Amino acid sequence: MVRARALGGAAASGGRRGGGRALAAFRLIRSACHATVIPNQFALAFADEAYNDRDRLNHASDIEALQAMVRQLIDFAQRMM
């Protein structure tokens, strides 16, 4: 049962959509289970080129988007407590 949980979604792929189609399908499934799905999601395009040699994201915009999604997930989860 996932009703009392806040759920976020993140995906990565080697293509330009970054797993966006998978995120859309996953959102439908989570919503059908009556889960609280946060609005933000993170799709990392060209994931095979997105990381540096220390396994860190290369682009500040990707880092900021992922951090925003995680912050929103934490906020939703804390409000549900």
PDB file of N, CA and C in Angstrom:
ATOM      1  N   MET A   1       0.847  -1.175   0.000  1.00  0.00           N
ATOM      2  CA  MET A   1       0.000   0.000   0.000  1.00  0.00           C
ATOM      3  C   MET A   1       0.892   1.238   0.000  1.00  0.00           C
ATOM      4  N   VAL A   2       0.625   2.151  -0.898  1.00  0.00           N
ATOM      5  CA  VAL A   2       1.460   3.356  -1.013  1.00  0.00           C
ATOM      6  C   VAL A   2       0.687   4.635  -0.717  1.00  0.00           C
ATOM      7  N   ARG A   3      -0.507   4.537  -0.190  1.00  0.00           N
ATOM      8  CA  ARG A   3      -1.330   5.724   0.022  1.00  0.00           C
ATOM      9  C   ARG A   3      -0.702   6.737   0.974  1.00  0.00           C
ATOM     10  N   ALA A   4       0.019   6.309   1.959  1.00  0.00           N
ATOM     11  CA  ALA A   4       0.576   7.215   2.954  1.00  0.00           C
ATOM     12  C   ALA A   4       2.017   7.587   2.637  1.00  0.00           C
ATOM     13  N   ARG A   5       2.377   7.541   1.375  1.00  0.00           N
ATOM     14  CA  ARG A   5       3.749   7.826   0.971  1.00  0.00           C
ATOM     15  C   ARG A   5       3.781   8.931  -0.076  1.00  0.00           C
ATOM     16  N   ALA A   6       4.805   9.754   0.015  1.00  0.00           N
ATOM     17  CA  ALA A   6       5.066  10.729  -1.040  1.00  0.00           C
ATOM     18  C   ALA A   6       6.083  10.092  -1.976  1.00  0.00           C
ATOM     19  N   LEU A   7       5.792  10.119  -3.252  1.00  0.00           N
ATOM     20  CA  LEU A   7       6.660   9.470  -4.228  1.00  0.00           C
ATOM     21  C   LEU A   7       7.140  10.464  -5.270  1.00  0.00           C
ATOM     22  N   GLY A   8       8.402  10.340  -5.624  1.00  0.00           N
ATOM     23  CA  GLY A   8       8.984  11.142  -6.684  1.00  0.00           C
ATOM     24  C   GLY A   8       9.474  10.225  -7.784  1.00  0.00           C
ATOM     25  N   GLY A   9       9.822  10.805  -8.904  1.00  0.00           N
ATOM     26  CA  GLY A   9      10.302   9.992 -10.011  1.00  0.00           C
ATOM     27  C   GLY A   9      11.507  10.606 -10.688  1.00  0.00           C
ATOM     28  N   ALA A  10      12.461   9.751 -11.003  1.00  0.00           N
ATOM     29  CA  ALA A  10      13.646  10.179 -11.738  1.00  0.00           C
ATOM     30  C   ALA A  10      13.993   9.081 -12.732  1.00  0.00           C
ATOM     31  N   ALA A  11      14.470   9.481 -13.891  1.00  0.00           N
ATOM     32  CA  ALA A  11      14.846   8.512 -14.918  1.00  0.00           C
ATOM     33  C   ALA A  11      16.038   9.055 -15.691  1.00  0.00           C
ATOM     34  N   ALA A  12      16.753   8.147 -16.305  1.00  0.00           N
ATOM     35  CA  ALA A  12      17.899   8.535 -17.132  1.00  0.00           C
ATOM     36  C   ALA A  12      17.946   7.606 -18.332  1.00  0.00           C
ATOM     37  N   SER A  13      18.349   8.167 -19.459  1.00  0.00           N
ATOM     38  CA  SER A  13      18.532   7.341 -20.653  1.00  0.00           C
ATOM     39  C   SER A  13      19.591   7.973 -21.536  1.00  0.00           C
ATOM     40  N   GLY A  14      20.049   7.207 -22.479  1.00  0.00           N
ATOM     41  CA  GLY A  14      21.050   7.704 -23.411  1.00  0.00           C
ATOM     42  C   GLY A  14      20.480   8.592 -24.495  1.00  0.00           C
ATOM     43  N   GLY A  15      19.167   8.688 -24.585  1.00  0.00           N
ATOM     44  CA  GLY A  15      18.515   9.502 -25.600  1.00  0.00           C
ATOM     45  C   GLY A  15      18.193  10.902 -25.119  1.00  0.00           C
ATOM     46  N   ARG A  16      17.565  11.678 -25.983  1.00  0.00           N
ATOM     47  CA  ARG A  16      17.286  13.079 -25.649  1.00  0.00           C
ATOM     48  C   ARG A  16      16.087  13.259 -24.736  1.00  0.00           C
ATOM     49  N   ARG A  17      15.248  12.225 -24.583  1.00  0.00           N
ATOM     50  CA  ARG A  17      14.074  12.360 -23.716  1.00  0.00           C
ATOM     51  C   ARG A  17      14.363  12.027 -22.263  1.00  0.00           C
ATOM     52  N   GLY A  18      15.471  11.397 -21.993  1.00  0.00           N
ATOM     53  CA  GLY A  18      15.878  11.156 -20.612  1.00  0.00           C
ATOM     54  C   GLY A  18      14.962  10.247 -19.819  1.00  0.00           C
ATOM     55  N   GLY A  19      14.252   9.372 -20.475  1.00  0.00           N
ATOM     56  CA  GLY A  19      13.347   8.480 -19.762  1.00  0.00           C
ATOM     57  C   GLY A  19      11.992   9.099 -19.500  1.00  0.00           C
ATOM     58  N   GLY A  20      11.675  10.162 -20.192  1.00  0.00           N
ATOM     59  CA  GLY A  20      10.412  10.875 -19.979  1.00  0.00           C
ATOM     60  C   GLY A  20       9.181  10.016 -20.188  1.00  0.00           C
ATOM     61  N   ARG A  21       9.215   9.142 -21.169  1.00  0.00           N
ATOM     62  CA  ARG A  21       8.061   8.256 -21.398  1.00  0.00           C
ATOM     63  C   ARG A  21       7.880   7.293 -20.236  1.00  0.00           C
ATOM     64  N   ALA A  22       8.975   6.779 -19.718  1.00  0.00           N
ATOM     65  CA  ALA A  22       8.891   5.871 -18.563  1.00  0.00           C
ATOM     66  C   ALA A  22       8.342   6.609 -17.344  1.00  0.00           C
ATOM     67  N   LEU A  23       8.759   7.859 -17.157  1.00  0.00           N
ATOM     68  CA  LEU A  23       8.243   8.643 -16.039  1.00  0.00           C
ATOM     69  C   LEU A  23       6.745   8.871 -16.158  1.00  0.00           C
ATOM     70  N   ALA A  24       6.280   9.126 -17.369  1.00  0.00           N
ATOM     71  CA  ALA A  24       4.842   9.330 -17.572  1.00  0.00           C
ATOM     72  C   ALA A  24       4.064   8.065 -17.223  1.00  0.00           C
ATOM     73  N   ALA A  25       4.553   6.928 -17.657  1.00  0.00           N
ATOM     74  CA  ALA A  25       3.879   5.659 -17.352  1.00  0.00           C
ATOM     75  C   ALA A  25       3.933   5.377 -15.851  1.00  0.00           C
ATOM     76  N   PHE A  26       5.076   5.627 -15.250  1.00  0.00           N
ATOM     77  CA  PHE A  26       5.229   5.395 -13.819  1.00  0.00           C
ATOM     78  C   PHE A  26       4.296   6.301 -13.015  1.00  0.00           C
ATOM     79  N   ARG A  27       4.130   7.551 -13.460  1.00  0.00           N
ATOM     80  CA  ARG A  27       3.215   8.481 -12.785  1.00  0.00           C
ATOM     81  C   ARG A  27       1.780   7.953 -12.829  1.00  0.00           C
ATOM     82  N   LEU A  28       1.373   7.414 -13.958  1.00  0.00           N
ATOM     83  CA  LEU A  28       0.025   6.842 -14.065  1.00  0.00           C
ATOM     84  C   LEU A  28      -0.168   5.687 -13.093  1.00  0.00           C
ATOM     85  N   ILE A  29       0.817   4.819 -13.021  1.00  0.00           N
ATOM     86  CA  ILE A  29       0.725   3.670 -12.121  1.00  0.00           C
ATOM     87  C   ILE A  29       0.641   4.129 -10.673  1.00  0.00           C
ATOM     88  N   ARG A  30       1.506   5.063 -10.295  1.00  0.00           N
ATOM     89  CA  ARG A  30       1.491   5.553  -8.911  1.00  0.00           C
ATOM     90  C   ARG A  30       0.179   6.243  -8.587  1.00  0.00           C
ATOM     91  N   SER A  31      -0.345   7.008  -9.526  1.00  0.00           N
ATOM     92  CA  SER A  31      -1.620   7.690  -9.297  1.00  0.00           C
ATOM     93  C   SER A  31      -2.760   6.681  -9.158  1.00  0.00           C
ATOM     94  N   ALA A  32      -2.724   5.626  -9.955  1.00  0.00           N
ATOM     95  CA  ALA A  32      -3.757   4.594  -9.873  1.00  0.00           C
ATOM     96  C   ALA A  32      -3.732   3.896  -8.518  1.00  0.00           C
ATOM     97  N   CYS A  33      -2.580   3.877  -7.878  1.00  0.00           N
ATOM     98  CA  CYS A  33      -2.447   3.282  -6.540  1.00  0.00           C
ATOM     99  C   CYS A  33      -2.792   4.297  -5.451  1.00  0.00           C
ATOM    100  N   HIS A  34      -3.281   5.455  -5.850  1.00  0.00           N
ATOM    101  CA  HIS A  34      -3.664   6.531  -4.931  1.00  0.00           C
ATOM    102  C   HIS A  34      -2.483   7.043  -4.113  1.00  0.00           C
ATOM    103  N   ALA A  35      -1.309   7.003  -4.693  1.00  0.00           N
ATOM    104  CA  ALA A  35      -0.131   7.538  -4.026  1.00  0.00           C
ATOM    105  C   ALA A  35      -0.083   9.051  -4.210  1.00  0.00           C
ATOM    106  N   THR A  36       0.581   9.732  -3.298  1.00  0.00           N
ATOM    107  CA  THR A  36       0.821  11.154  -3.447  1.00  0.00           C
ATOM    108  C   THR A  36       2.074  11.310  -4.294  1.00  0.00           C
ATOM    109  N   VAL A  37       1.894  11.775  -5.503  1.00  0.00           N
ATOM    110  CA  VAL A  37       2.998  11.913  -6.446  1.00  0.00           C
ATOM    111  C   VAL A  37       3.369  13.390  -6.521  1.00  0.00           C
ATOM    112  N   ILE A  38       4.617  13.699  -6.223  1.00  0.00           N
ATOM    113  CA  ILE A  38       5.028  15.098  -6.261  1.00  0.00           C
ATOM    114  C   ILE A  38       5.029  15.589  -7.715  1.00  0.00           C
ATOM    115  N   PRO A  39       4.786  16.883  -7.915  1.00  0.00           N
ATOM    116  CA  PRO A  39       4.749  17.414  -9.284  1.00  0.00           C
ATOM    117  C   PRO A  39       6.086  17.339 -10.018  1.00  0.00           C
ATOM    118  N   ASN A  40       7.183  17.647  -9.334  1.00  0.00           N
ATOM    119  CA  ASN A  40       8.493  17.632  -9.992  1.00  0.00           C
ATOM    120  C   ASN A  40       8.944  16.209 -10.272  1.00  0.00           C
ATOM    121  N   GLN A  41       9.578  16.032 -11.396  1.00  0.00           N
ATOM    122  CA  GLN A  41      10.264  14.786 -11.697  1.00  0.00           C
ATOM    123  C   GLN A  41      11.555  15.142 -12.424  1.00  0.00           C
ATOM    124  N   PHE A  42      12.466  14.195 -12.493  1.00  0.00           N
ATOM    125  CA  PHE A  42      13.768  14.471 -13.076  1.00  0.00           C
ATOM    126  C   PHE A  42      14.046  13.471 -14.184  1.00  0.00           C
ATOM    127  N   ALA A  43      14.308  13.984 -15.380  1.00  0.00           N
ATOM    128  CA  ALA A  43      14.654  13.144 -16.522  1.00  0.00           C
ATOM    129  C   ALA A  43      16.023  13.578 -17.030  1.00  0.00           C
ATOM    130  N   LEU A  44      16.975  12.668 -16.973  1.00  0.00           N
ATOM    131  CA  LEU A  44      18.341  12.971 -17.380  1.00  0.00           C
ATOM    132  C   LEU A  44      18.581  12.450 -18.791  1.00  0.00           C
ATOM    133  N   ALA A  45      18.686  13.374 -19.730  1.00  0.00           N
ATOM    134  CA  ALA A  45      18.946  13.009 -21.130  1.00  0.00           C
ATOM    135  C   ALA A  45      20.441  12.782 -21.349  1.00  0.00           C
ATOM    136  N   PHE A  46      20.742  11.964 -22.330  1.00  0.00           N
ATOM    137  CA  PHE A  46      22.132  11.665 -22.690  1.00  0.00           C
ATOM    138  C   PHE A  46      22.946  11.277 -21.449  1.00  0.00           C
ATOM    139  N   ALA A  47      22.388  10.374 -20.674  1.00  0.00           N
ATOM    140  CA  ALA A  47      22.990   9.978 -19.398  1.00  0.00           C
ATOM    141  C   ALA A  47      24.388   9.403 -19.566  1.00  0.00           C
ATOM    142  N   ASP A  48      24.643   8.805 -20.707  1.00  0.00           N
ATOM    143  CA  ASP A  48      25.973   8.233 -20.928  1.00  0.00           C
ATOM    144  C   ASP A  48      27.057   9.303 -21.020  1.00  0.00           C
ATOM    145  N   GLU A  49      26.662  10.555 -21.207  1.00  0.00           N
ATOM    146  CA  GLU A  49      27.607  11.667 -21.292  1.00  0.00           C
ATOM    147  C   GLU A  49      27.429  12.676 -20.152  1.00  0.00           C
ATOM    148  N   ALA A  50      26.525  12.390 -19.232  1.00  0.00           N
ATOM    149  CA  ALA A  50      26.138  13.373 -18.225  1.00  0.00           C
ATOM    150  C   ALA A  50      27.035  13.416 -16.998  1.00  0.00           C
ATOM    151  N   TYR A  51      27.910  12.442 -16.857  1.00  0.00           N
ATOM    152  CA  TYR A  51      28.738  12.350 -15.654  1.00  0.00           C
ATOM    153  C   TYR A  51      30.211  12.558 -15.969  1.00  0.00           C
ATOM    154  N   ASN A  52      30.924  13.097 -14.995  1.00  0.00           N
ATOM    155  CA  ASN A  52      32.367  13.268 -15.168  1.00  0.00           C
ATOM    156  C   ASN A  52      33.094  12.019 -14.666  1.00  0.00           C
ATOM    157  N   ASP A  53      34.396  12.075 -14.628  1.00  0.00           N
ATOM    158  CA  ASP A  53      35.191  10.900 -14.232  1.00  0.00           C
ATOM    159  C   ASP A  53      35.072  10.577 -12.744  1.00  0.00           C
ATOM    160  N   ARG A  54      34.465  11.471 -11.963  1.00  0.00           N
ATOM    161  CA  ARG A  54      34.216  11.218 -10.533  1.00  0.00           C
ATOM    162  C   ARG A  54      32.759  10.846 -10.277  1.00  0.00           C
ATOM    163  N   ASP A  55      32.039  10.513 -11.360  1.00  0.00           N
ATOM    164  CA  ASP A  55      30.628  10.123 -11.278  1.00  0.00           C
ATOM    165  C   ASP A  55      29.731  11.231 -10.725  1.00  0.00           C
ATOM    166  N   ARG A  56      30.070  12.455 -11.043  1.00  0.00           N
ATOM    167  CA  ARG A  56      29.271  13.628 -10.684  1.00  0.00           C
ATOM    168  C   ARG A  56      28.618  14.166 -11.950  1.00  0.00           C
ATOM    169  N   LEU A  57      27.419  14.711 -11.806  1.00  0.00           N
ATOM    170  CA  LEU A  57      26.760  15.315 -12.958  1.00  0.00           C
ATOM    171  C   LEU A  57      27.582  16.489 -13.474  1.00  0.00           C
ATOM    172  N   ASN A  58      27.683  16.600 -14.788  1.00  0.00           N
ATOM    173  CA  ASN A  58      28.477  17.649 -15.422  1.00  0.00           C
ATOM    174  C   ASN A  58      27.805  19.019 -15.416  1.00  0.00           C
ATOM    175  N   HIS A  59      26.509  19.047 -15.601  1.00  0.00           N
ATOM    176  CA  HIS A  59      25.808  20.309 -15.832  1.00  0.00           C
ATOM    177  C   HIS A  59      25.082  20.798 -14.582  1.00  0.00           C
ATOM    178  N   ALA A  60      25.310  22.060 -14.257  1.00  0.00           N
ATOM    179  CA  ALA A  60      24.673  22.661 -13.089  1.00  0.00           C
ATOM    180  C   ALA A  60      23.149  22.593 -13.184  1.00  0.00           C
ATOM    181  N   SER A  61      22.612  22.709 -14.385  1.00  0.00           N
ATOM    182  CA  SER A  61      21.150  22.662 -14.532  1.00  0.00           C
ATOM    183  C   SER A  61      20.589  21.297 -14.138  1.00  0.00           C
ATOM    184  N   ASP A  62      21.317  20.223 -14.431  1.00  0.00           N
ATOM    185  CA  ASP A  62      20.878  18.884 -14.019  1.00  0.00           C
ATOM    186  C   ASP A  62      20.941  18.732 -12.502  1.00  0.00           C
ATOM    187  N   ILE A  63      22.010  19.236 -11.910  1.00  0.00           N
ATOM    188  CA  ILE A  63      22.166  19.170 -10.457  1.00  0.00           C
ATOM    189  C   ILE A  63      21.047  19.936  -9.774  1.00  0.00           C
ATOM    190  N   GLU A  64      20.768  21.140 -10.262  1.00  0.00           N
ATOM    191  CA  GLU A  64      19.716  21.977  -9.670  1.00  0.00           C
ATOM    192  C   GLU A  64      18.340  21.328  -9.812  1.00  0.00           C
ATOM    193  N   ALA A  65      18.065  20.747 -10.966  1.00  0.00           N
ATOM    194  CA  ALA A  65      16.762  20.102 -11.179  1.00  0.00           C
ATOM    195  C   ALA A  65      16.591  18.899 -10.264  1.00  0.00           C
ATOM    196  N   LEU A  66      17.625  18.105 -10.108  1.00  0.00           N
ATOM    197  CA  LEU A  66      17.553  16.944  -9.231  1.00  0.00           C
ATOM    198  C   LEU A  66      17.401  17.379  -7.775  1.00  0.00           C
ATOM    199  N   GLN A  67      18.140  18.383  -7.375  1.00  0.00           N
ATOM    200  CA  GLN A  67      18.030  18.894  -6.003  1.00  0.00           C
ATOM    201  C   GLN A  67      16.633  19.449  -5.731  1.00  0.00           C
ATOM    202  N   ALA A  68      16.053  20.144  -6.701  1.00  0.00           N
ATOM    203  CA  ALA A  68      14.698  20.695  -6.536  1.00  0.00           C
ATOM    204  C   ALA A  68      13.685  19.578  -6.361  1.00  0.00           C
ATOM    205  N   MET A  69      13.834  18.499  -7.133  1.00  0.00           N
ATOM    206  CA  MET A  69      12.908  17.374  -7.004  1.00  0.00           C
ATOM    207  C   MET A  69      13.036  16.729  -5.632  1.00  0.00           C
ATOM    208  N   VAL A  70      14.257  16.531  -5.166  1.00  0.00           N
ATOM    209  CA  VAL A  70      14.474  15.913  -3.857  1.00  0.00           C
ATOM    210  C   VAL A  70      13.937  16.812  -2.747  1.00  0.00           C
ATOM    211  N   ARG A  71      14.167  18.127  -2.839  1.00  0.00           N
ATOM    212  CA  ARG A  71      13.627  19.053  -1.838  1.00  0.00           C
ATOM    213  C   ARG A  71      12.102  18.975  -1.788  1.00  0.00           C
ATOM    214  N   GLN A  72      11.480  18.925  -2.966  1.00  0.00           N
ATOM    215  CA  GLN A  72      10.030  18.848  -2.997  1.00  0.00           C
ATOM    216  C   GLN A  72       9.538  17.537  -2.399  1.00  0.00           C
ATOM    217  N   LEU A  73      10.230  16.449  -2.674  1.00  0.00           N
ATOM    218  CA  LEU A  73       9.859  15.159  -2.099  1.00  0.00           C
ATOM    219  C   LEU A  73       9.956  15.197  -0.575  1.00  0.00           C
ATOM    220  N   ILE A  74      11.015  15.763  -0.046  1.00  0.00           N
ATOM    221  CA  ILE A  74      11.169  15.877   1.404  1.00  0.00           C
ATOM    222  C   ILE A  74      10.067  16.736   1.996  1.00  0.00           C
ATOM    223  N   ASP A  75       9.769  17.869   1.363  1.00  0.00           N
ATOM    224  CA  ASP A  75       8.698  18.747   1.847  1.00  0.00           C
ATOM    225  C   ASP A  75       7.362  18.016   1.901  1.00  0.00           C
ATOM    226  N   PHE A  76       7.015  17.316   0.813  1.00  0.00           N
ATOM    227  CA  PHE A  76       5.750  16.569   0.788  1.00  0.00           C
ATOM    228  C   PHE A  76       5.731  15.513   1.875  1.00  0.00           C
ATOM    229  N   ALA A  77       6.817  14.777   2.028  1.00  0.00           N
ATOM    230  CA  ALA A  77       6.873  13.706   3.023  1.00  0.00           C
ATOM    231  C   ALA A  77       6.725  14.262   4.440  1.00  0.00           C
ATOM    232  N   GLN A  78       7.379  15.380   4.708  1.00  0.00           N
ATOM    233  CA  GLN A  78       7.287  15.972   6.053  1.00  0.00           C
ATOM    234  C   GLN A  78       5.868  16.459   6.344  1.00  0.00           C
ATOM    235  N   ARG A  79       5.182  16.993   5.351  1.00  0.00           N
ATOM    236  CA  ARG A  79       3.811  17.455   5.564  1.00  0.00           C
ATOM    237  C   ARG A  79       2.851  16.293   5.801  1.00  0.00           C
ATOM    238  N   MET A  80       3.208  15.117   5.334  1.00  0.00           N
ATOM    239  CA  MET A  80       2.343  13.954   5.501  1.00  0.00           C
ATOM    240  C   MET A  80       2.522  13.292   6.868  1.00  0.00           C
ATOM    241  N   MET A  81       3.547  13.699   7.602  1.00  0.00           N
ATOM    242  CA  MET A  81       3.810  13.072   8.901  1.00  0.00           C
ATOM    243  C   MET A  81       2.854  13.575   9.963  1.00  0.00           C
TER     244      MET A  81
END
